[in-house]
Amino acid sequence: MAEVLRDWLLVAGIEAHNLEQDFANGYLFGKLLHEYNLQPHLNTFVNKGKPDAYLKNYVMLQPVLSKLGVQFDTRTAQALINKEPGLAAKVLYAIKQSLGTMDKNTQVSTKEASSGFHSC
């Protein structure tokens, strides 16, 4: 799974060598979601290793992750900050899965709209 995630991140323009370390402050999650036009204000994210930066970043991520259906709460944020082994990969995989579902739904909606067919 790690190799698939690294390849996917590279396509999004994100190079990560250690997922737990690189994603701990939340900035790269914001950057990733920004690449998919889901996080509009990347310039408000802070790429620093300070507790207030972590908090600010995760507060901004929470609504977007919630919309994607990614389980994310204060315990998850705290575990990411603490670099819990494997958790960054799990969250990234959940984001990837959700984005894949969104892409499929968008493709279906686009096909339905162009064919004049709308499901109820």
C-alpha atoms as a PDB file:
ATOM      1  CA  MET A   1       0.000   0.000   0.000  1.00  0.00           C
ATOM      2  CA  ALA A   2       2.830   2.417   0.801  1.00  0.00           C
ATOM      3  CA  GLU A   3       4.219   2.308  -2.745  1.00  0.00           C
ATOM      4  CA  VAL A   4       0.776   2.997  -4.228  1.00  0.00           C
ATOM      5  CA  LEU A   5       0.350   5.968  -1.900  1.00  0.00           C
ATOM      6  CA  ARG A   6       3.806   7.360  -2.692  1.00  0.00           C
ATOM      7  CA  ASP A   7       3.127   7.132  -6.431  1.00  0.00           C
ATOM      8  CA  TRP A   8      -0.245   8.817  -5.980  1.00  0.00           C
ATOM      9  CA  LEU A   9       1.324  11.579  -3.887  1.00  0.00           C
ATOM     10  CA  LEU A  10       4.011  12.152  -6.524  1.00  0.00           C
ATOM     11  CA  VAL A  11       1.320  12.586  -9.181  1.00  0.00           C
ATOM     12  CA  ALA A  12      -0.200  15.265  -6.918  1.00  0.00           C
ATOM     13  CA  GLY A  13       3.206  16.957  -6.632  1.00  0.00           C
ATOM     14  CA  ILE A  14       3.931  15.815  -3.084  1.00  0.00           C
ATOM     15  CA  GLU A  15       7.170  14.084  -2.255  1.00  0.00           C
ATOM     16  CA  ALA A  16       7.074  12.308   1.091  1.00  0.00           C
ATOM     17  CA  HIS A  17       9.885  10.187   2.476  1.00  0.00           C
ATOM     18  CA  ASN A  18       8.387   9.374   5.883  1.00  0.00           C
ATOM     19  CA  LEU A  19       4.594   9.595   5.940  1.00  0.00           C
ATOM     20  CA  GLU A  20       4.274   9.959   9.710  1.00  0.00           C
ATOM     21  CA  GLN A  21       6.915  12.681   9.908  1.00  0.00           C
ATOM     22  CA  ASP A  22       5.976  14.524   6.720  1.00  0.00           C
ATOM     23  CA  PHE A  23       2.216  14.629   7.393  1.00  0.00           C
ATOM     24  CA  ALA A  24       2.341  15.231  11.178  1.00  0.00           C
ATOM     25  CA  ASN A  25       1.661  18.971  11.042  1.00  0.00           C
ATOM     26  CA  GLY A  26      -1.246  18.612   8.587  1.00  0.00           C
ATOM     27  CA  TYR A  27       0.243  20.892   5.940  1.00  0.00           C
ATOM     28  CA  LEU A  28       0.719  18.173   3.327  1.00  0.00           C
ATOM     29  CA  PHE A  29      -2.830  16.937   3.841  1.00  0.00           C
ATOM     30  CA  GLY A  30      -3.941  20.488   3.042  1.00  0.00           C
ATOM     31  CA  LYS A  31      -1.664  20.618   0.009  1.00  0.00           C
ATOM     32  CA  LEU A  32      -2.999  17.298  -1.256  1.00  0.00           C
ATOM     33  CA  LEU A  33      -6.619  18.392  -0.866  1.00  0.00           C
ATOM     34  CA  HIS A  34      -5.742  21.704  -2.516  1.00  0.00           C
ATOM     35  CA  GLU A  35      -4.429  19.791  -5.548  1.00  0.00           C
ATOM     36  CA  TYR A  36      -7.892  18.250  -5.868  1.00  0.00           C
ATOM     37  CA  ASN A  37      -9.580  21.668  -5.462  1.00  0.00           C
ATOM     38  CA  LEU A  38     -11.063  20.676  -2.115  1.00  0.00           C
ATOM     39  CA  GLN A  39      -9.001  22.950   0.147  1.00  0.00           C
ATOM     40  CA  PRO A  40      -9.230  26.449  -1.335  1.00  0.00           C
ATOM     41  CA  HIS A  41      -6.958  28.354   1.042  1.00  0.00           C
ATOM     42  CA  LEU A  42      -3.642  26.534   1.109  1.00  0.00           C
ATOM     43  CA  ASN A  43      -1.922  29.854   1.846  1.00  0.00           C
ATOM     44  CA  THR A  44      -3.512  29.846   5.315  1.00  0.00           C
ATOM     45  CA  PHE A  45      -1.883  26.517   6.230  1.00  0.00           C
ATOM     46  CA  VAL A  46       1.345  26.659   8.194  1.00  0.00           C
ATOM     47  CA  ASN A  47       4.227  24.295   7.412  1.00  0.00           C
ATOM     48  CA  LYS A  48       5.928  24.427  10.798  1.00  0.00           C
ATOM     49  CA  GLY A  49       6.475  22.027  13.655  1.00  0.00           C
ATOM     50  CA  LYS A  50       4.754  24.121  16.299  1.00  0.00           C
ATOM     51  CA  PRO A  51       1.658  23.071  18.259  1.00  0.00           C
ATOM     52  CA  ASP A  52      -0.344  26.143  17.221  1.00  0.00           C
ATOM     53  CA  ALA A  53       0.403  25.386  13.544  1.00  0.00           C
ATOM     54  CA  TYR A  54      -0.748  21.784  14.008  1.00  0.00           C
ATOM     55  CA  LEU A  55      -3.978  22.925  15.605  1.00  0.00           C
ATOM     56  CA  LYS A  56      -4.708  25.549  12.950  1.00  0.00           C
ATOM     57  CA  ASN A  57      -4.040  23.111  10.106  1.00  0.00           C
ATOM     58  CA  TYR A  58      -6.150  20.301  11.537  1.00  0.00           C
ATOM     59  CA  VAL A  59      -9.053  22.627  12.315  1.00  0.00           C
ATOM     60  CA  MET A  60      -9.067  23.669   8.635  1.00  0.00           C
ATOM     61  CA  LEU A  61      -8.790  20.051   7.438  1.00  0.00           C
ATOM     62  CA  GLN A  62     -11.601  18.639   9.550  1.00  0.00           C
ATOM     63  CA  PRO A  63     -14.599  19.922   7.531  1.00  0.00           C
ATOM     64  CA  VAL A  64     -13.094  18.807   4.212  1.00  0.00           C
ATOM     65  CA  LEU A  65     -12.194  15.360   5.506  1.00  0.00           C
ATOM     66  CA  SER A  66     -15.659  15.060   7.007  1.00  0.00           C
ATOM     67  CA  LYS A  67     -17.257  15.888   3.632  1.00  0.00           C
ATOM     68  CA  LEU A  68     -15.113  13.194   2.062  1.00  0.00           C
ATOM     69  CA  GLY A  69     -16.336  10.694   4.638  1.00  0.00           C
ATOM     70  CA  VAL A  70     -12.868  10.256   6.132  1.00  0.00           C
ATOM     71  CA  GLN A  71     -13.043   9.458   9.838  1.00  0.00           C
ATOM     72  CA  PHE A  72     -11.257  12.338  11.501  1.00  0.00           C
ATOM     73  CA  ASP A  73     -11.635  13.619  15.032  1.00  0.00           C
ATOM     74  CA  THR A  74      -9.445  15.110  17.755  1.00  0.00           C
ATOM     75  CA  ARG A  75      -8.045  11.692  18.659  1.00  0.00           C
ATOM     76  CA  THR A  76      -7.036  11.093  15.052  1.00  0.00           C
ATOM     77  CA  ALA A  77      -5.424  14.531  14.832  1.00  0.00           C
ATOM     78  CA  GLN A  78      -3.552  13.947  18.084  1.00  0.00           C
ATOM     79  CA  ALA A  79      -2.346  10.545  16.907  1.00  0.00           C
ATOM     80  CA  LEU A  80      -1.136  12.066  13.620  1.00  0.00           C
ATOM     81  CA  ILE A  81       0.688  14.806  15.538  1.00  0.00           C
ATOM     82  CA  ASN A  82       2.266  12.096  17.705  1.00  0.00           C
ATOM     83  CA  LYS A  83       3.314  10.283  14.499  1.00  0.00           C
ATOM     84  CA  GLU A  84       1.454   7.084  15.318  1.00  0.00           C
ATOM     85  CA  PRO A  85       2.902   4.418  13.013  1.00  0.00           C
ATOM     86  CA  GLY A  86       0.710   3.652  10.022  1.00  0.00           C
ATOM     87  CA  LEU A  87      -1.968   6.247  10.736  1.00  0.00           C
ATOM     88  CA  ALA A  88      -0.896   8.787   8.108  1.00  0.00           C
ATOM     89  CA  ALA A  89      -1.009   6.020   5.511  1.00  0.00           C
ATOM     90  CA  LYS A  90      -4.495   4.969   6.673  1.00  0.00           C
ATOM     91  CA  VAL A  91      -5.808   8.537   6.426  1.00  0.00           C
ATOM     92  CA  LEU A  92      -4.177   9.012   3.019  1.00  0.00           C
ATOM     93  CA  TYR A  93      -5.643   5.755   1.791  1.00  0.00           C
ATOM     94  CA  ALA A  94      -9.110   6.820   2.997  1.00  0.00           C
ATOM     95  CA  ILE A  95      -8.704  10.137   1.159  1.00  0.00           C
ATOM     96  CA  LYS A  96      -7.548   8.321  -1.978  1.00  0.00           C
ATOM     97  CA  GLN A  97     -10.514   5.948  -1.824  1.00  0.00           C
ATOM     98  CA  SER A  98     -12.947   8.816  -1.307  1.00  0.00           C
ATOM     99  CA  LEU A  99     -11.475  10.812  -4.179  1.00  0.00           C
ATOM    100  CA  GLY A 100     -11.704   7.739  -6.401  1.00  0.00           C
ATOM    101  CA  THR A 101     -15.371   7.402  -5.546  1.00  0.00           C
ATOM    102  CA  MET A 102     -15.895  11.105  -6.212  1.00  0.00           C
ATOM    103  CA  ASP A 103     -14.193  10.793  -9.614  1.00  0.00           C
ATOM    104  CA  LYS A 104     -16.431   7.864 -10.540  1.00  0.00           C
ATOM    105  CA  ASN A 105     -19.549   9.720  -9.377  1.00  0.00           C
ATOM    106  CA  THR A 106     -18.480  12.832 -11.281  1.00  0.00           C
ATOM    107  CA  GLN A 107     -17.876  10.772 -14.430  1.00  0.00           C
ATOM    108  CA  VAL A 108     -21.318   9.181 -14.133  1.00  0.00           C
ATOM    109  CA  SER A 109     -22.965  12.572 -13.551  1.00  0.00           C
ATOM    110  CA  THR A 110     -21.123  14.049 -16.530  1.00  0.00           C
ATOM    111  CA  LYS A 111     -22.187  11.149 -18.766  1.00  0.00           C
ATOM    112  CA  GLU A 112     -25.794  11.431 -17.590  1.00  0.00           C
ATOM    113  CA  ALA A 113     -25.827  15.192 -18.175  1.00  0.00           C
ATOM    114  CA  SER A 114     -24.350  14.882 -21.655  1.00  0.00           C
ATOM    115  CA  SER A 115     -26.771  12.113 -22.634  1.00  0.00           C
ATOM    116  CA  GLY A 116     -29.780  13.944 -21.263  1.00  0.00           C
ATOM    117  CA  PHE A 117     -30.480  11.110 -18.832  1.00  0.00           C
ATOM    118  CA  HIS A 118     -30.933  11.984 -15.167  1.00  0.00           C
ATOM    119  CA  SER A 119     -31.517   9.381 -12.511  1.00  0.00           C
ATOM    120  CA  CYS A 120     -33.948  10.052  -9.690  1.00  0.00           C
END
